Amino acid sequence: MKGCHYQLSVTNGDLKWEVPGVSQASNVVTADVDGDELPEFVASLAAFKAVDQTHGKLLWEVDAPVSNLSPVINDIDGDGVCEIIVGLRDGTLRVYK
């Protein structure tokens, strides 16, 4: 079933943006994945997609096997840039940089 991701204003409830036609398989995680000091939304969909939270613009997308686990976002190699770690249904991990 396809749905959409959207952001509402906390002050008045107005729709700020929406990304239609997505299927969500995990919780949405918020983190700065592009180094601009502003959080993006990341979720396991039919692909992993990072969405700019200010404008709802799709920043990047990568096809990935389905995961019903939430992605973990952290700087695991200490280089100052966050990686996205995804646990897959077959018990393996994928790390996206």
PDB file of N, CA and C in Angstrom:
ATOM      1  N   MET A   1       0.839  -1.178   0.000  1.00  0.00           N
ATOM      2  CA  MET A   1       0.000   0.000   0.000  1.00  0.00           C
ATOM      3  C   MET A   1       0.885   1.243   0.000  1.00  0.00           C
ATOM      4  N   LYS A   2       0.611   2.166  -0.875  1.00  0.00           N
ATOM      5  CA  LYS A   2       1.380   3.399  -0.976  1.00  0.00           C
ATOM      6  C   LYS A   2       0.743   4.473  -0.106  1.00  0.00           C
ATOM      7  N   GLY A   3       1.598   5.277   0.507  1.00  0.00           N
ATOM      8  CA  GLY A   3       1.143   6.386   1.325  1.00  0.00           C
ATOM      9  C   GLY A   3       1.969   7.608   0.991  1.00  0.00           C
ATOM     10  N   CYS A   4       2.155   8.458   1.970  1.00  0.00           N
ATOM     11  CA  CYS A   4       3.027   9.603   1.752  1.00  0.00           C
ATOM     12  C   CYS A   4       3.640  10.013   3.078  1.00  0.00           C
ATOM     13  N   HIS A   5       4.769  10.668   2.991  1.00  0.00           N
ATOM     14  CA  HIS A   5       5.395  11.290   4.152  1.00  0.00           C
ATOM     15  C   HIS A   5       5.094  12.772   4.043  1.00  0.00           C
ATOM     16  N   TYR A   6       4.811  13.401   5.164  1.00  0.00           N
ATOM     17  CA  TYR A   6       4.520  14.816   5.129  1.00  0.00           C
ATOM     18  C   TYR A   6       4.986  15.471   6.414  1.00  0.00           C
ATOM     19  N   GLN A   7       5.180  16.775   6.356  1.00  0.00           N
ATOM     20  CA  GLN A   7       5.557  17.540   7.539  1.00  0.00           C
ATOM     21  C   GLN A   7       4.534  18.646   7.738  1.00  0.00           C
ATOM     22  N   LEU A   8       4.071  18.749   8.974  1.00  0.00           N
ATOM     23  CA  LEU A   8       3.120  19.791   9.342  1.00  0.00           C
ATOM     24  C   LEU A   8       3.813  20.830  10.209  1.00  0.00           C
ATOM     25  N   SER A   9       3.355  22.058  10.127  1.00  0.00           N
ATOM     26  CA  SER A   9       3.865  23.133  10.973  1.00  0.00           C
ATOM     27  C   SER A   9       3.443  22.877  12.409  1.00  0.00           C
ATOM     28  N   VAL A  10       4.389  23.013  13.354  1.00  0.00           N
ATOM     29  CA  VAL A  10       4.035  22.828  14.762  1.00  0.00           C
ATOM     30  C   VAL A  10       3.261  24.019  15.311  1.00  0.00           C
ATOM     31  N   THR A  11       3.330  25.165  14.655  1.00  0.00           N
ATOM     32  CA  THR A  11       2.637  26.352  15.168  1.00  0.00           C
ATOM     33  C   THR A  11       1.177  26.410  14.762  1.00  0.00           C
ATOM     34  N   ASN A  12       0.848  25.956  13.511  1.00  0.00           N
ATOM     35  CA  ASN A  12      -0.541  26.086  13.076  1.00  0.00           C
ATOM     36  C   ASN A  12      -1.111  24.830  12.403  1.00  0.00           C
ATOM     37  N   GLY A  13      -0.309  23.766  12.265  1.00  0.00           N
ATOM     38  CA  GLY A  13      -0.787  22.525  11.666  1.00  0.00           C
ATOM     39  C   GLY A  13      -0.861  22.532  10.155  1.00  0.00           C
ATOM     40  N   ASP A  14      -0.436  23.624   9.504  1.00  0.00           N
ATOM     41  CA  ASP A  14      -0.450  23.684   8.043  1.00  0.00           C
ATOM     42  C   ASP A  14       0.553  22.691   7.454  1.00  0.00           C
ATOM     43  N   LEU A  15       0.211  22.142   6.295  1.00  0.00           N
ATOM     44  CA  LEU A  15       1.099  21.247   5.572  1.00  0.00           C
ATOM     45  C   LEU A  15       2.272  22.046   5.033  1.00  0.00           C
ATOM     46  N   LYS A  16       3.506  21.623   5.397  1.00  0.00           N
ATOM     47  CA  LYS A  16       4.704  22.297   4.892  1.00  0.00           C
ATOM     48  C   LYS A  16       5.182  21.651   3.598  1.00  0.00           C
ATOM     49  N   TRP A  17       5.157  20.316   3.529  1.00  0.00           N
ATOM     50  CA  TRP A  17       5.538  19.572   2.326  1.00  0.00           C
ATOM     51  C   TRP A  17       5.075  18.133   2.460  1.00  0.00           C
ATOM     52  N   GLU A  18       5.068  17.423   1.321  1.00  0.00           N
ATOM     53  CA  GLU A  18       4.766  16.009   1.335  1.00  0.00           C
ATOM     54  C   GLU A  18       5.524  15.297   0.225  1.00  0.00           C
ATOM     55  N   VAL A  19       5.839  14.032   0.467  1.00  0.00           N
ATOM     56  CA  VAL A  19       6.473  13.165  -0.520  1.00  0.00           C
ATOM     57  C   VAL A  19       5.483  12.027  -0.756  1.00  0.00           C
ATOM     58  N   PRO A  20       4.739  12.061  -1.880  1.00  0.00           N
ATOM     59  CA  PRO A  20       3.700  11.056  -2.122  1.00  0.00           C
ATOM     60  C   PRO A  20       4.260   9.751  -2.679  1.00  0.00           C
ATOM     61  N   GLY A  21       3.434   8.710  -2.615  1.00  0.00           N
ATOM     62  CA  GLY A  21       3.746   7.451  -3.289  1.00  0.00           C
ATOM     63  C   GLY A  21       4.856   6.636  -2.670  1.00  0.00           C
ATOM     64  N   VAL A  22       4.949   6.591  -1.347  1.00  0.00           N
ATOM     65  CA  VAL A  22       5.986   5.790  -0.703  1.00  0.00           C
ATOM     66  C   VAL A  22       5.357   4.730   0.188  1.00  0.00           C
ATOM     67  N   SER A  23       6.049   3.621   0.314  1.00  0.00           N
ATOM     68  CA  SER A  23       5.642   2.547   1.210  1.00  0.00           C
ATOM     69  C   SER A  23       6.649   2.507   2.344  1.00  0.00           C
ATOM     70  N   GLN A  24       6.195   2.606   3.541  1.00  0.00           N
ATOM     71  CA  GLN A  24       7.112   2.648   4.680  1.00  0.00           C
ATOM     72  C   GLN A  24       7.193   1.281   5.332  1.00  0.00           C
ATOM     73  N   ALA A  25       8.419   0.810   5.577  1.00  0.00           N
ATOM     74  CA  ALA A  25       8.613  -0.481   6.237  1.00  0.00           C
ATOM     75  C   ALA A  25       9.239  -0.335   7.616  1.00  0.00           C
ATOM     76  N   SER A  26       9.707   0.853   7.970  1.00  0.00           N
ATOM     77  CA  SER A  26      10.329   1.063   9.281  1.00  0.00           C
ATOM     78  C   SER A  26       9.912   2.417   9.828  1.00  0.00           C
ATOM     79  N   ASN A  27      10.319   2.664  11.058  1.00  0.00           N
ATOM     80  CA  ASN A  27      10.121   3.998  11.621  1.00  0.00           C
ATOM     81  C   ASN A  27      10.999   5.005  10.905  1.00  0.00           C
ATOM     82  N   VAL A  28      10.612   6.241  10.967  1.00  0.00           N
ATOM     83  CA  VAL A  28      11.403   7.317  10.380  1.00  0.00           C
ATOM     84  C   VAL A  28      12.433   7.769  11.408  1.00  0.00           C
ATOM     85  N   VAL A  29      13.678   7.932  10.963  1.00  0.00           N
ATOM     86  CA  VAL A  29      14.768   8.399  11.813  1.00  0.00           C
ATOM     87  C   VAL A  29      15.172   9.791  11.325  1.00  0.00           C
ATOM     88  N   THR A  30      15.427  10.691  12.261  1.00  0.00           N
ATOM     89  CA  THR A  30      15.849  12.040  11.909  1.00  0.00           C
ATOM     90  C   THR A  30      17.309  12.218  12.300  1.00  0.00           C
ATOM     91  N   ALA A  31      18.138  12.643  11.340  1.00  0.00           N
ATOM     92  CA  ALA A  31      19.562  12.873  11.601  1.00  0.00           C
ATOM     93  C   ALA A  31      20.140  13.728  10.485  1.00  0.00           C
ATOM     94  N   ASP A  32      21.264  14.363  10.759  1.00  0.00           N
ATOM     95  CA  ASP A  32      21.974  15.140   9.739  1.00  0.00           C
ATOM     96  C   ASP A  32      22.836  14.180   8.937  1.00  0.00           C
ATOM     97  N   VAL A  33      22.374  13.782   7.753  1.00  0.00           N
ATOM     98  CA  VAL A  33      23.123  12.829   6.934  1.00  0.00           C
ATOM     99  C   VAL A  33      23.928  13.484   5.827  1.00  0.00           C
ATOM    100  N   ASP A  34      23.769  14.791   5.647  1.00  0.00           N
ATOM    101  CA  ASP A  34      24.526  15.455   4.581  1.00  0.00           C
ATOM    102  C   ASP A  34      25.486  16.527   5.090  1.00  0.00           C
ATOM    103  N   GLY A  35      25.642  16.648   6.413  1.00  0.00           N
ATOM    104  CA  GLY A  35      26.632  17.558   6.980  1.00  0.00           C
ATOM    105  C   GLY A  35      26.261  19.024   6.968  1.00  0.00           C
ATOM    106  N   ASP A  36      24.984  19.349   6.728  1.00  0.00           N
ATOM    107  CA  ASP A  36      24.592  20.766   6.684  1.00  0.00           C
ATOM    108  C   ASP A  36      24.088  21.276   8.028  1.00  0.00           C
ATOM    109  N   GLU A  37      24.204  20.440   9.070  1.00  0.00           N
ATOM    110  CA  GLU A  37      23.774  20.763  10.428  1.00  0.00           C
ATOM    111  C   GLU A  37      22.259  20.900  10.574  1.00  0.00           C
ATOM    112  N   LEU A  38      21.508  20.405   9.584  1.00  0.00           N
ATOM    113  CA  LEU A  38      20.048  20.350   9.646  1.00  0.00           C
ATOM    114  C   LEU A  38      19.625  18.897   9.500  1.00  0.00           C
ATOM    115  N   PRO A  39      18.634  18.464  10.262  1.00  0.00           N
ATOM    116  CA  PRO A  39      18.236  17.049  10.181  1.00  0.00           C
ATOM    117  C   PRO A  39      17.464  16.720   8.917  1.00  0.00           C
ATOM    118  N   GLU A  40      17.673  15.496   8.438  1.00  0.00           N
ATOM    119  CA  GLU A  40      16.899  14.930   7.349  1.00  0.00           C
ATOM    120  C   GLU A  40      16.125  13.740   7.909  1.00  0.00           C
ATOM    121  N   PHE A  41      15.123  13.283   7.161  1.00  0.00           N
ATOM    122  CA  PHE A  41      14.358  12.103   7.533  1.00  0.00           C
ATOM    123  C   PHE A  41      14.872  10.918   6.722  1.00  0.00           C
ATOM    124  N   VAL A  42      15.071   9.776   7.383  1.00  0.00           N
ATOM    125  CA  VAL A  42      15.507   8.559   6.702  1.00  0.00           C
ATOM    126  C   VAL A  42      14.594   7.430   7.159  1.00  0.00           C
ATOM    127  N   ALA A  43      14.117   6.629   6.203  1.00  0.00           N
ATOM    128  CA  ALA A  43      13.262   5.488   6.541  1.00  0.00           C
ATOM    129  C   ALA A  43      13.538   4.366   5.561  1.00  0.00           C
ATOM    130  N   SER A  44      13.244   3.154   5.984  1.00  0.00           N
ATOM    131  CA  SER A  44      13.342   2.000   5.100  1.00  0.00           C
ATOM    132  C   SER A  44      12.051   1.927   4.291  1.00  0.00           C
ATOM    133  N   LEU A  45      12.178   2.136   3.023  1.00  0.00           N
ATOM    134  CA  LEU A  45      11.033   2.084   2.120  1.00  0.00           C
ATOM    135  C   LEU A  45      11.330   0.963   1.125  1.00  0.00           C
ATOM    136  N   ALA A  46      10.870   1.064  -0.094  1.00  0.00           N
ATOM    137  CA  ALA A  46      11.316   0.132  -1.127  1.00  0.00           C
ATOM    138  C   ALA A  46      12.775   0.423  -1.444  1.00  0.00           C
ATOM    139  N   ALA A  47      13.203   1.604  -1.032  1.00  0.00           N
ATOM    140  CA  ALA A  47      14.593   2.040  -1.112  1.00  0.00           C
ATOM    141  C   ALA A  47      14.811   2.920   0.113  1.00  0.00           C
ATOM    142  N   PHE A  48      16.066   3.188   0.428  1.00  0.00           N
ATOM    143  CA  PHE A  48      16.325   4.156   1.492  1.00  0.00           C
ATOM    144  C   PHE A  48      16.374   5.529   0.862  1.00  0.00           C
ATOM    145  N   LYS A  49      15.629   6.456   1.444  1.00  0.00           N
ATOM    146  CA  LYS A  49      15.532   7.803   0.910  1.00  0.00           C
ATOM    147  C   LYS A  49      15.832   8.802   2.015  1.00  0.00           C
ATOM    148  N   ALA A  50      16.637   9.787   1.686  1.00  0.00           N
ATOM    149  CA  ALA A  50      16.874  10.899   2.617  1.00  0.00           C
ATOM    150  C   ALA A  50      16.115  12.101   2.079  1.00  0.00           C
ATOM    151  N   VAL A  51      15.304  12.711   2.959  1.00  0.00           N
ATOM    152  CA  VAL A  51      14.459  13.830   2.569  1.00  0.00           C
ATOM    153  C   VAL A  51      14.826  15.043   3.406  1.00  0.00           C
ATOM    154  N   ASP A  52      15.094  16.170   2.750  1.00  0.00           N
ATOM    155  CA  ASP A  52      15.379  17.424   3.433  1.00  0.00           C
ATOM    156  C   ASP A  52      14.140  17.837   4.213  1.00  0.00           C
ATOM    157  N   GLN A  53      14.277  18.025   5.523  1.00  0.00           N
ATOM    158  CA  GLN A  53      13.091  18.301   6.330  1.00  0.00           C
ATOM    159  C   GLN A  53      12.546  19.702   6.136  1.00  0.00           C
ATOM    160  N   THR A  54      13.336  20.627   5.628  1.00  0.00           N
ATOM    161  CA  THR A  54      12.856  21.990   5.435  1.00  0.00           C
ATOM    162  C   THR A  54      11.941  22.111   4.228  1.00  0.00           C
ATOM    163  N   HIS A  55      12.308  21.452   3.120  1.00  0.00           N
ATOM    164  CA  HIS A  55      11.559  21.614   1.876  1.00  0.00           C
ATOM    165  C   HIS A  55      10.909  20.337   1.358  1.00  0.00           C
ATOM    166  N   GLY A  56      11.215  19.191   1.985  1.00  0.00           N
ATOM    167  CA  GLY A  56      10.658  17.928   1.503  1.00  0.00           C
ATOM    168  C   GLY A  56      11.311  17.432   0.241  1.00  0.00           C
ATOM    169  N   LYS A  57      12.479  17.973  -0.098  1.00  0.00           N
ATOM    170  CA  LYS A  57      13.199  17.597  -1.315  1.00  0.00           C
ATOM    171  C   LYS A  57      13.921  16.271  -1.090  1.00  0.00           C
ATOM    172  N   LEU A  58      13.778  15.355  -2.050  1.00  0.00           N
ATOM    173  CA  LEU A  58      14.494  14.089  -1.997  1.00  0.00           C
ATOM    174  C   LEU A  58      15.965  14.364  -2.253  1.00  0.00           C
ATOM    175  N   LEU A  59      16.835  14.061  -1.267  1.00  0.00           N
ATOM    176  CA  LEU A  59      18.264  14.322  -1.390  1.00  0.00           C
ATOM    177  C   LEU A  59      18.985  13.202  -2.120  1.00  0.00           C
ATOM    178  N   TRP A  60      18.653  11.976  -1.768  1.00  0.00           N
ATOM    179  CA  TRP A  60      19.225  10.814  -2.430  1.00  0.00           C
ATOM    180  C   TRP A  60      18.373   9.596  -2.138  1.00  0.00           C
ATOM    181  N   GLU A  61      18.617   8.563  -2.937  1.00  0.00           N
ATOM    182  CA  GLU A  61      17.859   7.331  -2.804  1.00  0.00           C
ATOM    183  C   GLU A  61      18.756   6.178  -3.230  1.00  0.00           C
ATOM    184  N   VAL A  62      18.706   5.069  -2.518  1.00  0.00           N
ATOM    185  CA  VAL A  62      19.453   3.875  -2.890  1.00  0.00           C
ATOM    186  C   VAL A  62      18.539   2.665  -2.703  1.00  0.00           C
ATOM    187  N   ASP A  63      18.477   1.812  -3.733  1.00  0.00           N
ATOM    188  CA  ASP A  63      17.688   0.589  -3.623  1.00  0.00           C
ATOM    189  C   ASP A  63      18.335  -0.320  -2.586  1.00  0.00           C
ATOM    190  N   ALA A  64      17.530  -0.978  -1.809  1.00  0.00           N
ATOM    191  CA  ALA A  64      18.035  -1.866  -0.765  1.00  0.00           C
ATOM    192  C   ALA A  64      17.032  -2.985  -0.541  1.00  0.00           C
ATOM    193  N   PRO A  65      17.522  -4.144  -0.116  1.00  0.00           N
ATOM    194  CA  PRO A  65      16.580  -5.202   0.253  1.00  0.00           C
ATOM    195  C   PRO A  65      15.663  -4.708   1.371  1.00  0.00           C
ATOM    196  N   VAL A  66      14.483  -5.246   1.415  1.00  0.00           N
ATOM    197  CA  VAL A  66      13.495  -4.801   2.397  1.00  0.00           C
ATOM    198  C   VAL A  66      14.000  -5.076   3.816  1.00  0.00           C
ATOM    199  N   SER A  67      13.830  -4.081   4.654  1.00  0.00           N
ATOM    200  CA  SER A  67      14.159  -4.210   6.066  1.00  0.00           C
ATOM    201  C   SER A  67      12.998  -3.635   6.855  1.00  0.00           C
ATOM    202  N   ASN A  68      12.559  -4.344   7.886  1.00  0.00           N
ATOM    203  CA  ASN A  68      11.500  -3.790   8.720  1.00  0.00           C
ATOM    204  C   ASN A  68      12.077  -3.177   9.989  1.00  0.00           C
ATOM    205  N   LEU A  69      13.409  -3.046  10.031  1.00  0.00           N
ATOM    206  CA  LEU A  69      14.091  -2.430  11.164  1.00  0.00           C
ATOM    207  C   LEU A  69      14.396  -0.973  10.848  1.00  0.00           C
ATOM    208  N   SER A  70      14.365  -0.140  11.859  1.00  0.00           N
ATOM    209  CA  SER A  70      14.717   1.268  11.656  1.00  0.00           C
ATOM    210  C   SER A  70      16.208   1.383  11.388  1.00  0.00           C
ATOM    211  N   PRO A  71      16.602   2.269  10.487  1.00  0.00           N
ATOM    212  CA  PRO A  71      18.030   2.474  10.265  1.00  0.00           C
ATOM    213  C   PRO A  71      18.663   3.134  11.491  1.00  0.00           C
ATOM    214  N   VAL A  72      19.941   2.875  11.677  1.00  0.00           N
ATOM    215  CA  VAL A  72      20.730   3.524  12.725  1.00  0.00           C
ATOM    216  C   VAL A  72      21.687   4.474  12.032  1.00  0.00           C
ATOM    217  N   ILE A  73      21.760   5.711  12.518  1.00  0.00           N
ATOM    218  CA  ILE A  73      22.614   6.712  11.888  1.00  0.00           C
ATOM    219  C   ILE A  73      23.626   7.183  12.919  1.00  0.00           C
ATOM    220  N   ASN A  74      24.921   7.000  12.565  1.00  0.00           N
ATOM    221  CA  ASN A  74      25.994   7.365  13.479  1.00  0.00           C
ATOM    222  C   ASN A  74      27.300   7.424  12.698  1.00  0.00           C
ATOM    223  N   ASP A  75      28.262   8.149  13.230  1.00  0.00           N
ATOM    224  CA  ASP A  75      29.593   8.212  12.635  1.00  0.00           C
ATOM    225  C   ASP A  75      30.392   7.033  13.175  1.00  0.00           C
ATOM    226  N   ILE A  76      30.324   5.886  12.493  1.00  0.00           N
ATOM    227  CA  ILE A  76      30.952   4.683  13.030  1.00  0.00           C
ATOM    228  C   ILE A  76      32.448   4.589  12.737  1.00  0.00           C
ATOM    229  N   ASP A  77      32.950   5.362  11.775  1.00  0.00           N
ATOM    230  CA  ASP A  77      34.381   5.288  11.475  1.00  0.00           C
ATOM    231  C   ASP A  77      35.158   6.519  11.941  1.00  0.00           C
ATOM    232  N   GLY A  78      34.479   7.450  12.635  1.00  0.00           N
ATOM    233  CA  GLY A  78      35.164   8.587  13.241  1.00  0.00           C
ATOM    234  C   GLY A  78      35.652   9.656  12.277  1.00  0.00           C
ATOM    235  N   ASP A  79      35.090   9.694  11.058  1.00  0.00           N
ATOM    236  CA  ASP A  79      35.553  10.697  10.088  1.00  0.00           C
ATOM    237  C   ASP A  79      34.725  11.980  10.100  1.00  0.00           C
ATOM    238  N   GLY A  80      33.758  12.082  11.017  1.00  0.00           N
ATOM    239  CA  GLY A  80      32.933  13.283  11.100  1.00  0.00           C
ATOM    240  C   GLY A  80      31.708  13.264  10.213  1.00  0.00           C
ATOM    241  N   VAL A  81      31.497  12.195   9.450  1.00  0.00           N
ATOM    242  CA  VAL A  81      30.344  12.053   8.558  1.00  0.00           C
ATOM    243  C   VAL A  81      29.555  10.827   8.997  1.00  0.00           C
ATOM    244  N   CYS A  82      28.244  10.982   9.131  1.00  0.00           N
ATOM    245  CA  CYS A  82      27.406   9.876   9.587  1.00  0.00           C
ATOM    246  C   CYS A  82      27.243   8.813   8.510  1.00  0.00           C
ATOM    247  N   GLU A  83      27.226   7.565   8.942  1.00  0.00           N
ATOM    248  CA  GLU A  83      26.881   6.443   8.089  1.00  0.00           C
ATOM    249  C   GLU A  83      25.471   5.990   8.469  1.00  0.00           C
ATOM    250  N   ILE A  84      24.823   5.291   7.533  1.00  0.00           N
ATOM    251  CA  ILE A  84      23.495   4.738   7.776  1.00  0.00           C
ATOM    252  C   ILE A  84      23.655   3.225   7.822  1.00  0.00           C
ATOM    253  N   ILE A  85      23.288   2.627   8.955  1.00  0.00           N
ATOM    254  CA  ILE A  85      23.446   1.197   9.159  1.00  0.00           C
ATOM    255  C   ILE A  85      22.058   0.566   9.139  1.00  0.00           C
ATOM    256  N   VAL A  86      21.913  -0.486   8.319  1.00  0.00           N
ATOM    257  CA  VAL A  86      20.616  -1.120   8.136  1.00  0.00           C
ATOM    258  C   VAL A  86      20.738  -2.609   8.395  1.00  0.00           C
ATOM    259  N   GLY A  87      19.906  -3.120   9.290  1.00  0.00           N
ATOM    260  CA  GLY A  87      19.822  -4.557   9.517  1.00  0.00           C
ATOM    261  C   GLY A  87      18.799  -5.160   8.577  1.00  0.00           C
ATOM    262  N   LEU A  88      19.199  -6.186   7.832  1.00  0.00           N
ATOM    263  CA  LEU A  88      18.311  -6.821   6.861  1.00  0.00           C
ATOM    264  C   LEU A  88      17.656  -8.064   7.442  1.00  0.00           C
ATOM    265  N   ARG A  89      16.613  -8.506   6.796  1.00  0.00           N
ATOM    266  CA  ARG A  89      15.845  -9.658   7.289  1.00  0.00           C
ATOM    267  C   ARG A  89      16.663 -10.937   7.319  1.00  0.00           C
ATOM    268  N   ASP A  90      17.716 -11.026   6.502  1.00  0.00           N
ATOM    269  CA  ASP A  90      18.524 -12.247   6.479  1.00  0.00           C
ATOM    270  C   ASP A  90      19.612 -12.250   7.557  1.00  0.00           C
ATOM    271  N   GLY A  91      19.620 -11.231   8.430  1.00  0.00           N
ATOM    272  CA  GLY A  91      20.585 -11.177   9.522  1.00  0.00           C
ATOM    273  C   GLY A  91      21.866 -10.428   9.201  1.00  0.00           C
ATOM    274  N   THR A  92      22.004  -9.922   7.977  1.00  0.00           N
ATOM    275  CA  THR A  92      23.198  -9.167   7.610  1.00  0.00           C
ATOM    276  C   THR A  92      22.991  -7.674   7.844  1.00  0.00           C
ATOM    277  N   LEU A  93      24.089  -6.938   7.832  1.00  0.00           N
ATOM    278  CA  LEU A  93      24.052  -5.473   7.956  1.00  0.00           C
ATOM    279  C   LEU A  93      24.559  -4.855   6.667  1.00  0.00           C
ATOM    280  N   ARG A  94      24.003  -3.709   6.329  1.00  0.00           N
ATOM    281  CA  ARG A  94      24.539  -2.875   5.246  1.00  0.00           C
ATOM    282  C   ARG A  94      24.869  -1.529   5.845  1.00  0.00           C
ATOM    283  N   VAL A  95      26.004  -0.968   5.413  1.00  0.00           N
ATOM    284  CA  VAL A  95      26.424   0.352   5.863  1.00  0.00           C
ATOM    285  C   VAL A  95      26.516   1.238   4.629  1.00  0.00           C
ATOM    286  N   TYR A  96      25.814   2.366   4.678  1.00  0.00           N
ATOM    287  CA  TYR A  96      25.824   3.335   3.572  1.00  0.00           C
ATOM    288  C   TYR A  96      26.560   4.576   4.038  1.00  0.00           C
ATOM    289  N   LYS A  97      27.477   5.053   3.221  1.00  0.00           N
ATOM    290  CA  LYS A  97      28.290   6.221   3.528  1.00  0.00           C
ATOM    291  C   LYS A  97      27.958   7.339   2.574  1.00  0.00           C
TER     292      LYS A  97
END
